[in-house]
PDB file of N, CA and C in Angstrom:
ATOM      1  N   MET A   1    -105.828  22.501  23.346  1.00  0.00           N
ATOM      2  CA  MET A   1    -104.831  22.219  24.503  1.00  0.00           C
ATOM      3  C   MET A   1    -103.657  22.188  24.073  1.00  0.00           C
ATOM      4  N   LEU A   2    -102.894  23.177  24.779  1.00  0.00           N
ATOM      5  CA  LEU A   2    -101.417  23.314  24.447  1.00  0.00           C
ATOM      6  C   LEU A   2    -100.655  22.388  25.282  1.00  0.00           C
ATOM      7  N   VAL A   3     -99.706  21.732  24.650  1.00  0.00           N
ATOM      8  CA  VAL A   3     -98.843  20.948  25.432  1.00  0.00           C
ATOM      9  C   VAL A   3     -97.215  21.209  25.322  1.00  0.00           C
ATOM     10  N   ASN A   4     -96.635  21.337  26.439  1.00  0.00           N
ATOM     11  CA  ASN A   4     -95.384  21.759  26.399  1.00  0.00           C
ATOM     12  C   ASN A   4     -94.632  20.573  26.012  1.00  0.00           C
ATOM     13  N   THR A   5     -93.746  20.577  24.864  1.00  0.00           N
ATOM     14  CA  THR A   5     -93.200  19.458  24.606  1.00  0.00           C
ATOM     15  C   THR A   5     -91.533  19.573  24.821  1.00  0.00           C
ATOM     16  N   LEU A   6     -91.094  20.577  25.428  1.00  0.00           N
ATOM     17  CA  LEU A   6     -89.833  20.957  25.814  1.00  0.00           C
ATOM     18  C   LEU A   6     -89.342  20.158  27.077  1.00  0.00           C
ATOM     19  N   ILE A   7     -88.351  19.336  27.062  1.00  0.00           N
ATOM     20  CA  ILE A   7     -87.818  18.550  28.094  1.00  0.00           C
ATOM     21  C   ILE A   7     -86.527  18.815  28.361  1.00  0.00           C
ATOM     22  N   THR A   8     -85.936  18.423  29.483  1.00  0.00           N
ATOM     23  CA  THR A   8     -84.409  18.283  29.885  1.00  0.00           C
ATOM     24  C   THR A   8     -83.982  17.036  30.183  1.00  0.00           C
ATOM     25  N   ALA A   9     -83.076  16.381  29.664  1.00  0.00           N
ATOM     26  CA  ALA A   9     -82.553  15.284  29.811  1.00  0.00           C
ATOM     27  C   ALA A   9     -81.039  15.368  30.537  1.00  0.00           C
ATOM     28  N   ALA A  10     -80.939  14.678  31.561  1.00  0.00           N
ATOM     29  CA  ALA A  10     -79.561  14.532  32.208  1.00  0.00           C
ATOM     30  C   ALA A  10     -79.213  13.163  32.684  1.00  0.00           C
ATOM     31  N   PHE A  11     -78.031  13.022  31.862  1.00  0.00           N
ATOM     32  CA  PHE A  11     -77.424  11.625  32.084  1.00  0.00           C
ATOM     33  C   PHE A  11     -76.086  11.780  32.718  1.00  0.00           C
ATOM     34  N   LYS A  12     -75.725  10.674  33.522  1.00  0.00           N
ATOM     35  CA  LYS A  12     -74.641  10.775  34.381  1.00  0.00           C
ATOM     36  C   LYS A  12     -73.404  10.217  33.323  1.00  0.00           C
ATOM     37  N   ASP A  13     -72.347  10.780  33.403  1.00  0.00           N
ATOM     38  CA  ASP A  13     -71.206  10.578  32.411  1.00  0.00           C
ATOM     39  C   ASP A  13     -70.157   9.604  33.211  1.00  0.00           C
ATOM     40  N   SER A  14     -69.100   9.196  32.541  1.00  0.00           N
ATOM     41  CA  SER A  14     -68.238   8.338  33.239  1.00  0.00           C
ATOM     42  C   SER A  14     -67.433   8.915  34.526  1.00  0.00           C
ATOM     43  N   PHE A  15     -67.538  10.208  34.523  1.00  0.00           N
ATOM     44  CA  PHE A  15     -66.648  10.887  35.544  1.00  0.00           C
ATOM     45  C   PHE A  15     -67.891  11.117  36.954  1.00  0.00           C
ATOM     46  N   GLY A  16     -68.897  10.738  36.732  1.00  0.00           N
ATOM     47  CA  GLY A  16     -70.148  10.874  37.804  1.00  0.00           C
ATOM     48  C   GLY A  16     -70.818  12.148  37.831  1.00  0.00           C
ATOM     49  N   ARG A  17     -70.548  12.922  36.601  1.00  0.00           N
ATOM     50  CA  ARG A  17     -71.128  14.320  36.513  1.00  0.00           C
ATOM     51  C   ARG A  17     -72.528  14.261  35.880  1.00  0.00           C
ATOM     52  N   TYR A  18     -73.679  14.947  35.750  1.00  0.00           N
ATOM     53  CA  TYR A  18     -74.720  14.741  35.195  1.00  0.00           C
ATOM     54  C   TYR A  18     -74.519  15.690  33.938  1.00  0.00           C
ATOM     55  N   ILE A  19     -74.705  15.437  32.634  1.00  0.00           N
ATOM     56  CA  ILE A  19     -74.625  16.478  31.749  1.00  0.00           C
ATOM     57  C   ILE A  19     -76.092  16.596  31.234  1.00  0.00           C
ATOM     58  N   LEU A  20     -76.361  17.795  30.977  1.00  0.00           N
ATOM     59  CA  LEU A  20     -77.968  18.388  30.747  1.00  0.00           C
ATOM     60  C   LEU A  20     -78.181  18.728  29.583  1.00  0.00           C
ATOM     61  N   LYS A  21     -79.195  18.600  28.995  1.00  0.00           N
ATOM     62  CA  LYS A  21     -79.553  18.718  27.574  1.00  0.00           C
ATOM     63  C   LYS A  21     -80.940  19.005  27.348  1.00  0.00           C
ATOM     64  N   ARG A  22     -81.239  20.263  26.782  1.00  0.00           N
ATOM     65  CA  ARG A  22     -82.760  20.591  26.633  1.00  0.00           C
ATOM     66  C   ARG A  22     -83.055  20.140  25.079  1.00  0.00           C
ATOM     67  N   LEU A  23     -84.192  19.682  24.816  1.00  0.00           N
ATOM     68  CA  LEU A  23     -84.680  19.241  23.650  1.00  0.00           C
ATOM     69  C   LEU A  23     -86.234  18.994  23.626  1.00  0.00           C
ATOM     70  N   THR A  24     -86.886  18.694  22.623  1.00  0.00           N
ATOM     71  CA  THR A  24     -88.271  18.243  22.718  1.00  0.00           C
ATOM     72  C   THR A  24     -88.477  16.938  22.610  1.00  0.00           C
ATOM     73  N   ILE A  25     -89.828  16.533  22.856  1.00  0.00           N
ATOM     74  CA  ILE A  25     -89.990  14.987  22.991  1.00  0.00           C
ATOM     75  C   ILE A  25     -89.809  14.353  21.375  1.00  0.00           C
ATOM     76  N   PHE A  26     -89.930  15.343  20.356  1.00  0.00           N
ATOM     77  CA  PHE A  26     -89.824  14.945  19.033  1.00  0.00           C
ATOM     78  C   PHE A  26     -88.294  14.563  18.671  1.00  0.00           C
ATOM     79  N   GLU A  27     -87.494  15.175  19.393  1.00  0.00           N
ATOM     80  CA  GLU A  27     -86.178  15.060  19.071  1.00  0.00           C
ATOM     81  C   GLU A  27     -85.334  13.957  19.876  1.00  0.00           C
ATOM     82  N   PHE A  28     -86.232  13.452  20.943  1.00  0.00           N
ATOM     83  CA  PHE A  28     -85.598  12.594  21.888  1.00  0.00           C
ATOM     84  C   PHE A  28     -84.843  11.321  21.257  1.00  0.00           C
ATOM     85  N   THR A  29     -85.394  10.646  20.235  1.00  0.00           N
ATOM     86  CA  THR A  29     -84.839   9.509  19.737  1.00  0.00           C
ATOM     87  C   THR A  29     -83.765   9.724  18.976  1.00  0.00           C
ATOM     88  N   ASN A  30     -83.261  11.167  18.960  1.00  0.00           N
ATOM     89  CA  ASN A  30     -81.845  11.459  18.438  1.00  0.00           C
ATOM     90  C   ASN A  30     -80.976  11.842  19.528  1.00  0.00           C
ATOM     91  N   ILE A  31     -81.226  11.274  20.713  1.00  0.00           N
ATOM     92  CA  ILE A  31     -80.410  11.578  21.928  1.00  0.00           C
ATOM     93  C   ILE A  31     -79.010  11.074  21.920  1.00  0.00           C
ATOM     94  N   SER A  32     -78.743  10.194  21.081  1.00  0.00           N
ATOM     95  CA  SER A  32     -77.352   9.638  20.851  1.00  0.00           C
ATOM     96  C   SER A  32     -76.460  10.441  20.269  1.00  0.00           C
ATOM     97  N   LEU A  33     -77.144  11.616  19.580  1.00  0.00           N
ATOM     98  CA  LEU A  33     -76.184  12.765  18.902  1.00  0.00           C
ATOM     99  C   LEU A  33     -75.581  13.409  20.167  1.00  0.00           C
ATOM    100  N   TYR A  34     -76.160  13.540  21.254  1.00  0.00           N
ATOM    101  CA  TYR A  34     -75.648  14.297  22.450  1.00  0.00           C
ATOM    102  C   TYR A  34     -74.903  13.475  23.405  1.00  0.00           C
ATOM    103  N   PHE A  35     -75.321  12.236  23.635  1.00  0.00           N
ATOM    104  CA  PHE A  35     -74.738  11.282  24.684  1.00  0.00           C
ATOM    105  C   PHE A  35     -74.522  10.122  23.955  1.00  0.00           C
ATOM    106  N   GLU A  36     -73.095   9.738  23.903  1.00  0.00           N
ATOM    107  CA  GLU A  36     -72.554   8.455  23.216  1.00  0.00           C
ATOM    108  C   GLU A  36     -72.762   7.320  23.516  1.00  0.00           C
ATOM    109  N   ASN A  37     -73.280   7.237  24.930  1.00  0.00           N
ATOM    110  CA  ASN A  37     -73.385   5.575  25.502  1.00  0.00           C
ATOM    111  C   ASN A  37     -75.034   5.439  25.596  1.00  0.00           C
ATOM    112  N   ILE A  38     -75.644   6.053  24.657  1.00  0.00           N
ATOM    113  CA  ILE A  38     -77.237   5.783  24.814  1.00  0.00           C
ATOM    114  C   ILE A  38     -77.792   5.565  23.197  1.00  0.00           C
ATOM    115  N   GLU A  39     -78.470   4.451  23.195  1.00  0.00           N
ATOM    116  CA  GLU A  39     -79.144   4.098  21.860  1.00  0.00           C
ATOM    117  C   GLU A  39     -80.745   4.423  22.135  1.00  0.00           C
ATOM    118  N   CYS A  40     -81.510   5.179  21.052  1.00  0.00           N
ATOM    119  CA  CYS A  40     -82.677   5.264  21.613  1.00  0.00           C
ATOM    120  C   CYS A  40     -83.635   4.976  20.242  1.00  0.00           C
ATOM    121  N   SER A  41     -84.563   4.513  20.565  1.00  0.00           N
ATOM    122  CA  SER A  41     -85.461   4.085  19.377  1.00  0.00           C
ATOM    123  C   SER A  41     -87.083   4.191  19.454  1.00  0.00           C
ATOM    124  N   LYS A  42     -87.995   4.451  18.436  1.00  0.00           N
ATOM    125  CA  LYS A  42     -89.185   4.418  18.939  1.00  0.00           C
ATOM    126  C   LYS A  42     -89.924   3.027  18.454  1.00  0.00           C
ATOM    127  N   ILE A  43     -90.759   2.649  19.339  1.00  0.00           N
ATOM    128  CA  ILE A  43     -91.521   1.277  19.086  1.00  0.00           C
ATOM    129  C   ILE A  43     -93.049   1.697  18.829  1.00  0.00           C
ATOM    130  N   ASN A  44     -93.586   1.365  17.604  1.00  0.00           N
ATOM    131  CA  ASN A  44     -95.000   1.387  17.338  1.00  0.00           C
ATOM    132  C   ASN A  44     -95.360   2.915  17.467  1.00  0.00           C
ATOM    133  N   ASN A  45     -94.606   3.860  17.434  1.00  0.00           N
ATOM    134  CA  ASN A  45     -95.048   5.375  17.611  1.00  0.00           C
ATOM    135  C   ASN A  45     -95.508   5.623  18.950  1.00  0.00           C
ATOM    136  N   LYS A  46     -95.593   4.655  19.906  1.00  0.00           N
ATOM    137  CA  LYS A  46     -96.220   4.848  21.075  1.00  0.00           C
ATOM    138  C   LYS A  46     -95.246   4.796  22.255  1.00  0.00           C
ATOM    139  N   GLU A  47     -94.053   4.088  22.047  1.00  0.00           N
ATOM    140  CA  GLU A  47     -93.175   3.990  22.978  1.00  0.00           C
ATOM    141  C   GLU A  47     -91.671   4.255  22.654  1.00  0.00           C
ATOM    142  N   ILE A  48     -90.978   4.518  23.782  1.00  0.00           N
ATOM    143  CA  ILE A  48     -89.500   4.752  23.254  1.00  0.00           C
ATOM    144  C   ILE A  48     -88.848   3.911  24.021  1.00  0.00           C
ATOM    145  N   ARG A  49     -87.852   3.347  23.415  1.00  0.00           N
ATOM    146  CA  ARG A  49     -86.918   2.095  24.123  1.00  0.00           C
ATOM    147  C   ARG A  49     -85.332   2.867  24.152  1.00  0.00           C
ATOM    148  N   MET A  50     -84.808   2.805  25.500  1.00  0.00           N
ATOM    149  CA  MET A  50     -83.528   3.496  25.570  1.00  0.00           C
ATOM    150  C   MET A  50     -82.564   2.151  26.065  1.00  0.00           C
ATOM    151  N   SER A  51     -81.350   2.165  25.450  1.00  0.00           N
ATOM    152  CA  SER A  51     -80.451   1.210  25.988  1.00  0.00           C
ATOM    153  C   SER A  51     -79.158   2.116  26.378  1.00  0.00           C
ATOM    154  N   ILE A  52     -78.928   1.854  27.461  1.00  0.00           N
ATOM    155  CA  ILE A  52     -77.899   2.879  28.190  1.00  0.00           C
ATOM    156  C   ILE A  52     -76.538   1.942  28.580  1.00  0.00           C
ATOM    157  N   GLU A  53     -75.430   2.351  28.293  1.00  0.00           N
ATOM    158  CA  GLU A  53     -74.268   1.840  28.902  1.00  0.00           C
ATOM    159  C   GLU A  53     -74.034   2.529  30.134  1.00  0.00           C
ATOM    160  N   CYS A  54     -74.232   1.724  31.334  1.00  0.00           N
ATOM    161  CA  CYS A  54     -74.162   2.298  32.541  1.00  0.00           C
ATOM    162  C   CYS A  54     -72.880   2.763  32.969  1.00  0.00           C
ATOM    163  N   PRO A  55     -72.750   4.080  33.284  1.00  0.00           N
ATOM    164  CA  PRO A  55     -71.539   4.548  33.628  1.00  0.00           C
ATOM    165  C   PRO A  55     -70.948   4.040  35.253  1.00  0.00           C
ATOM    166  N   ILE A  56     -71.962   3.364  35.776  1.00  0.00           N
ATOM    167  CA  ILE A  56     -71.477   2.996  37.261  1.00  0.00           C
ATOM    168  C   ILE A  56     -71.158   1.744  37.073  1.00  0.00           C
ATOM    169  N   CYS A  57     -71.877   0.713  36.561  1.00  0.00           N
ATOM    170  CA  CYS A  57     -71.469  -0.630  36.648  1.00  0.00           C
ATOM    171  C   CYS A  57     -70.766  -1.114  35.241  1.00  0.00           C
ATOM    172  N   GLY A  58     -70.911  -0.346  34.254  1.00  0.00           N
ATOM    173  CA  GLY A  58     -70.581  -0.899  32.825  1.00  0.00           C
ATOM    174  C   GLY A  58     -71.408  -1.700  32.148  1.00  0.00           C
ATOM    175  N   GLU A  59     -72.625  -2.165  32.654  1.00  0.00           N
ATOM    176  CA  GLU A  59     -73.443  -3.184  31.954  1.00  0.00           C
ATOM    177  C   GLU A  59     -74.434  -2.107  31.250  1.00  0.00           C
ATOM    178  N   CYS A  60     -75.121  -2.756  30.323  1.00  0.00           N
ATOM    179  CA  CYS A  60     -76.138  -2.202  29.258  1.00  0.00           C
ATOM    180  C   CYS A  60     -77.354  -2.267  30.222  1.00  0.00           C
ATOM    181  N   HIS A  61     -78.134  -1.073  30.545  1.00  0.00           N
ATOM    182  CA  HIS A  61     -79.557  -1.308  30.838  1.00  0.00           C
ATOM    183  C   HIS A  61     -80.492  -0.636  29.936  1.00  0.00           C
ATOM    184  N   ASN A  62     -81.697  -1.553  29.914  1.00  0.00           N
ATOM    185  CA  ASN A  62     -82.708  -1.246  28.860  1.00  0.00           C
ATOM    186  C   ASN A  62     -84.129  -0.467  29.624  1.00  0.00           C
ATOM    187  N   TYR A  63     -84.439   0.323  29.140  1.00  0.00           N
ATOM    188  CA  TYR A  63     -85.646   0.916  29.759  1.00  0.00           C
ATOM    189  C   TYR A  63     -86.678   1.280  28.255  1.00  0.00           C
ATOM    190  N   ILE A  64     -88.033   0.929  28.682  1.00  0.00           N
ATOM    191  CA  ILE A  64     -88.994   1.230  27.887  1.00  0.00           C
ATOM    192  C   ILE A  64     -90.027   2.244  28.624  1.00  0.00           C
ATOM    193  N   TYR A  65     -90.417   3.668  27.626  1.00  0.00           N
ATOM    194  CA  TYR A  65     -91.486   4.346  28.287  1.00  0.00           C
ATOM    195  C   TYR A  65     -92.608   4.608  27.329  1.00  0.00           C
ATOM    196  N   ASN A  66     -93.629   4.807  27.681  1.00  0.00           N
ATOM    197  CA  ASN A  66     -94.624   5.359  26.926  1.00  0.00           C
ATOM    198  C   ASN A  66     -94.559   6.704  26.557  1.00  0.00           C
ATOM    199  N   LEU A  67     -94.812   7.136  25.234  1.00  0.00           N
ATOM    200  CA  LEU A  67     -94.578   8.640  25.000  1.00  0.00           C
ATOM    201  C   LEU A  67     -95.502   9.544  25.859  1.00  0.00           C
ATOM    202  N   ASP A  68     -96.578   8.925  26.402  1.00  0.00           N
ATOM    203  CA  ASP A  68     -97.429   9.759  27.268  1.00  0.00           C
ATOM    204  C   ASP A  68     -96.631  10.158  28.670  1.00  0.00           C
ATOM    205  N   ASP A  69     -95.857   9.210  29.051  1.00  0.00           N
ATOM    206  CA  ASP A  69     -94.974   9.400  30.274  1.00  0.00           C
ATOM    207  C   ASP A  69     -94.252  10.830  30.050  1.00  0.00           C
ATOM    208  N   PHE A  70     -93.689  11.193  28.880  1.00  0.00           N
ATOM    209  CA  PHE A  70     -92.764  12.298  28.733  1.00  0.00           C
ATOM    210  C   PHE A  70     -93.601  13.524  28.967  1.00  0.00           C
ATOM    211  N   ILE A  71     -95.094  13.451  28.576  1.00  0.00           N
ATOM    212  CA  ILE A  71     -95.789  14.532  28.632  1.00  0.00           C
ATOM    213  C   ILE A  71     -96.621  14.765  29.906  1.00  0.00           C
ATOM    214  N   LYS A  72     -96.951  13.685  30.533  1.00  0.00           N
ATOM    215  CA  LYS A  72     -97.857  13.687  31.799  1.00  0.00           C
ATOM    216  C   LYS A  72     -97.079  13.597  33.013  1.00  0.00           C
ATOM    217  N   ARG A  73     -95.770  13.106  32.909  1.00  0.00           N
ATOM    218  CA  ARG A  73     -95.015  13.074  34.091  1.00  0.00           C
ATOM    219  C   ARG A  73     -94.039  14.108  34.333  1.00  0.00           C
ATOM    220  N   SER A  74     -94.034  14.794  35.361  1.00  0.00           N
ATOM    221  CA  SER A  74     -92.861  15.948  35.650  1.00  0.00           C
ATOM    222  C   SER A  74     -91.470  15.347  35.300  1.00  0.00           C
ATOM    223  N   MET A  75     -91.347  14.178  35.804  1.00  0.00           N
ATOM    224  CA  MET A  75     -89.816  13.605  35.692  1.00  0.00           C
ATOM    225  C   MET A  75     -89.776  12.279  35.617  1.00  0.00           C
ATOM    226  N   ILE A  76     -88.933  11.414  34.692  1.00  0.00           N
ATOM    227  CA  ILE A  76     -88.677  10.352  34.918  1.00  0.00           C
ATOM    228  C   ILE A  76     -87.171   9.925  35.419  1.00  0.00           C
ATOM    229  N   ILE A  77     -87.113   8.945  36.353  1.00  0.00           N
ATOM    230  CA  ILE A  77     -85.811   8.715  36.931  1.00  0.00           C
ATOM    231  C   ILE A  77     -85.387   7.336  36.542  1.00  0.00           C
ATOM    232  N   GLY A  78     -84.206   7.169  35.965  1.00  0.00           N
ATOM    233  CA  GLY A  78     -83.734   5.732  35.598  1.00  0.00           C
ATOM    234  C   GLY A  78     -82.465   5.388  36.334  1.00  0.00           C
ATOM    235  N   GLY A  79     -82.214   4.377  36.854  1.00  0.00           N
ATOM    236  CA  GLY A  79     -81.204   4.055  37.574  1.00  0.00           C
ATOM    237  C   GLY A  79     -80.419   2.757  37.180  1.00  0.00           C
ATOM    238  N   CYS A  80     -79.148   2.571  37.896  1.00  0.00           N
ATOM    239  CA  CYS A  80     -78.353   1.306  37.597  1.00  0.00           C
ATOM    240  C   CYS A  80     -79.157   0.124  38.157  1.00  0.00           C
ATOM    241  N   GLU A  81     -79.326  -0.916  37.537  1.00  0.00           N
ATOM    242  CA  GLU A  81     -80.133  -1.967  38.087  1.00  0.00           C
ATOM    243  C   GLU A  81     -79.403  -2.678  39.160  1.00  0.00           C
ATOM    244  N   LYS A  82     -78.123  -2.723  39.003  1.00  0.00           N
ATOM    245  CA  LYS A  82     -77.298  -3.431  39.924  1.00  0.00           C
ATOM    246  C   LYS A  82     -77.327  -2.606  41.404  1.00  0.00           C
ATOM    247  N   LEU A  83     -77.020  -1.306  41.200  1.00  0.00           N
ATOM    248  CA  LEU A  83     -76.805  -0.592  42.564  1.00  0.00           C
ATOM    249  C   LEU A  83     -77.719   0.274  43.042  1.00  0.00           C
ATOM    250  N   GLY A  84     -78.873   0.532  42.004  1.00  0.00           N
ATOM    251  CA  GLY A  84     -79.817   1.304  42.443  1.00  0.00           C
ATOM    252  C   GLY A  84     -79.535   2.844  42.425  1.00  0.00           C
ATOM    253  N   LEU A  85     -78.523   3.120  41.932  1.00  0.00           N
ATOM    254  CA  LEU A  85     -78.267   4.610  41.810  1.00  0.00           C
ATOM    255  C   LEU A  85     -78.878   5.445  40.563  1.00  0.00           C
ATOM    256  N   PRO A  86     -79.213   6.618  40.670  1.00  0.00           N
ATOM    257  CA  PRO A  86     -79.826   7.046  39.393  1.00  0.00           C
ATOM    258  C   PRO A  86     -78.700   7.393  38.353  1.00  0.00           C
ATOM    259  N   ILE A  87     -79.266   7.232  37.200  1.00  0.00           N
ATOM    260  CA  ILE A  87     -78.117   7.609  36.130  1.00  0.00           C
ATOM    261  C   ILE A  87     -78.832   8.528  34.973  1.00  0.00           C
ATOM    262  N   PHE A  88     -80.029   8.934  35.093  1.00  0.00           N
ATOM    263  CA  PHE A  88     -80.527   9.634  34.197  1.00  0.00           C
ATOM    264  C   PHE A  88     -81.873  10.102  34.730  1.00  0.00           C
ATOM    265  N   PHE A  89     -82.106  11.552  34.472  1.00  0.00           N
ATOM    266  CA  PHE A  89     -83.374  12.196  34.826  1.00  0.00           C
ATOM    267  C   PHE A  89     -83.906  12.793  33.564  1.00  0.00           C
ATOM    268  N   ILE A  90     -85.130  12.744  33.217  1.00  0.00           N
ATOM    269  CA  ILE A  90     -85.726  13.093  32.031  1.00  0.00           C
ATOM    270  C   ILE A  90     -87.149  13.918  32.332  1.00  0.00           C
ATOM    271  N   GLY A  91     -87.399  15.204  31.901  1.00  0.00           N
ATOM    272  CA  GLY A  91     -88.617  15.704  32.216  1.00  0.00           C
ATOM    273  C   GLY A  91     -88.567  17.197  32.370  1.00  0.00           C
ATOM    274  N   ASN A  92     -89.499  17.776  33.224  1.00  0.00           N
ATOM    275  CA  ASN A  92     -89.587  19.223  33.391  1.00  0.00           C
ATOM    276  C   ASN A  92     -88.355  19.745  33.662  1.00  0.00           C
ATOM    277  N   SER A  93     -88.052  20.749  33.213  1.00  0.00           N
ATOM    278  CA  SER A  93     -86.590  21.415  33.198  1.00  0.00           C
ATOM    279  C   SER A  93     -86.267  21.708  34.600  1.00  0.00           C
ATOM    280  N   LYS A  94     -87.234  22.355  35.249  1.00  0.00           N
ATOM    281  CA  LYS A  94     -87.121  22.923  36.561  1.00  0.00           C
ATOM    282  C   LYS A  94     -86.883  21.567  37.482  1.00  0.00           C
ATOM    283  N   LYS A  95     -87.610  20.665  37.417  1.00  0.00           N
ATOM    284  CA  LYS A  95     -87.396  19.517  38.401  1.00  0.00           C
ATOM    285  C   LYS A  95     -86.287  18.934  37.910  1.00  0.00           C
ATOM    286  N   VAL A  96     -85.547  18.620  36.743  1.00  0.00           N
ATOM    287  CA  VAL A  96     -84.620  17.932  36.320  1.00  0.00           C
ATOM    288  C   VAL A  96     -83.260  18.730  37.082  1.00  0.00           C
ATOM    289  N   GLU A  97     -83.278  19.855  36.818  1.00  0.00           N
ATOM    290  CA  GLU A  97     -82.162  20.862  37.260  1.00  0.00           C
ATOM    291  C   GLU A  97     -82.210  21.050  38.680  1.00  0.00           C
ATOM    292  N   ASP A  98     -83.205  20.950  39.584  1.00  0.00           N
ATOM    293  CA  ASP A  98     -83.254  20.868  40.902  1.00  0.00           C
ATOM    294  C   ASP A  98     -82.756  19.418  41.280  1.00  0.00           C
ATOM    295  N   LYS A  99     -83.192  18.308  40.824  1.00  0.00           N
ATOM    296  CA  LYS A  99     -82.662  17.200  41.095  1.00  0.00           C
ATOM    297  C   LYS A  99     -81.068  16.980  40.975  1.00  0.00           C
ATOM    298  N   VAL A 100     -80.645  17.596  39.769  1.00  0.00           N
ATOM    299  CA  VAL A 100     -79.228  17.253  39.600  1.00  0.00           C
ATOM    300  C   VAL A 100     -78.303  18.173  40.749  1.00  0.00           C
ATOM    301  N   ASN A 101     -78.977  19.308  40.718  1.00  0.00           N
ATOM    302  CA  ASN A 101     -78.227  20.250  41.975  1.00  0.00           C
ATOM    303  C   ASN A 101     -78.068  19.441  43.346  1.00  0.00           C
ATOM    304  N   LYS A 102     -79.225  18.963  43.571  1.00  0.00           N
ATOM    305  CA  LYS A 102     -79.333  18.089  44.895  1.00  0.00           C
ATOM    306  C   LYS A 102     -78.220  17.024  44.859  1.00  0.00           C
ATOM    307  N   TYR A 103     -78.022  16.399  43.855  1.00  0.00           N
ATOM    308  CA  TYR A 103     -77.190  15.306  43.820  1.00  0.00           C
ATOM    309  C   TYR A 103     -75.812  15.771  43.798  1.00  0.00           C
ATOM    310  N   LYS A 104     -75.460  16.968  43.296  1.00  0.00           N
ATOM    311  CA  LYS A 104     -74.288  17.541  43.340  1.00  0.00           C
ATOM    312  C   LYS A 104     -73.917  17.855  44.631  1.00  0.00           C
ATOM    313  N   GLU A 105     -74.837  18.445  45.365  1.00  0.00           N
ATOM    314  CA  GLU A 105     -74.577  18.901  46.709  1.00  0.00           C
ATOM    315  C   GLU A 105     -74.298  17.750  47.739  1.00  0.00           C
ATOM    316  N   ILE A 106     -74.931  16.677  47.239  1.00  0.00           N
ATOM    317  CA  ILE A 106     -74.819  15.418  48.281  1.00  0.00           C
ATOM    318  C   ILE A 106     -73.425  14.794  48.019  1.00  0.00           C
ATOM    319  N   THR A 107     -73.085  14.839  46.827  1.00  0.00           N
ATOM    320  CA  THR A 107     -71.626  14.505  46.458  1.00  0.00           C
ATOM    321  C   THR A 107     -70.455  15.305  47.108  1.00  0.00           C
ATOM    322  N   ARG A 108     -70.772  16.568  46.911  1.00  0.00           N
ATOM    323  CA  ARG A 108     -69.750  17.556  47.661  1.00  0.00           C
ATOM    324  C   ARG A 108     -69.746  17.198  49.172  1.00  0.00           C
ATOM    325  N   GLU A 109     -70.729  16.958  49.806  1.00  0.00           N
ATOM    326  CA  GLU A 109     -70.812  16.372  51.277  1.00  0.00           C
ATOM    327  C   GLU A 109     -70.046  15.284  51.436  1.00  0.00           C
ATOM    328  N   ILE A 110     -70.298  14.307  50.633  1.00  0.00           N
ATOM    329  CA  ILE A 110     -69.722  13.050  50.934  1.00  0.00           C
ATOM    330  C   ILE A 110     -68.170  13.271  50.655  1.00  0.00           C
ATOM    331  N   TYR A 111     -67.717  13.896  49.737  1.00  0.00           N
ATOM    332  CA  TYR A 111     -66.280  14.075  49.540  1.00  0.00           C
ATOM    333  C   TYR A 111     -65.443  15.039  50.764  1.00  0.00           C
ATOM    334  N   ALA A 112     -66.473  15.791  51.203  1.00  0.00           N
ATOM    335  CA  ALA A 112     -65.945  16.616  52.326  1.00  0.00           C
ATOM    336  C   ALA A 112     -65.702  15.836  53.582  1.00  0.00           C
ATOM    337  N   MET A 113     -66.496  14.649  53.722  1.00  0.00           N
ATOM    338  CA  MET A 113     -66.338  13.817  54.756  1.00  0.00           C
ATOM    339  C   MET A 113     -65.250  12.939  54.602  1.00  0.00           C
ATOM    340  N   ILE A 114     -64.961  12.748  53.650  1.00  0.00           N
ATOM    341  CA  ILE A 114     -63.701  11.796  53.230  1.00  0.00           C
ATOM    342  C   ILE A 114     -62.400  12.655  53.441  1.00  0.00           C
TER     343      ILE A 114
END
């Protein structure tokens, strides 16, 4: 059985933009090399723990995911616990890119109304 280990991670920066990075699930614990406000570690070789300084509220949010989630799910979405807005998307490259493009379009429409 072949497993696609290539994923895309998109994290919101302090300017409200999503920054995308393609990597394998084996490289994911090194995500802090690409995104400065994220700490990532493996727990018992079965789970990944992420600690993210939220670009929306400024607080630190913690997330724990099973490694199987990265393989079996098409996309993982994590958000600000205070406001409920998404701050990251991780998963299938096409799905993540589509979701980021949708949020860019929504943001443009909101600014056009203002």
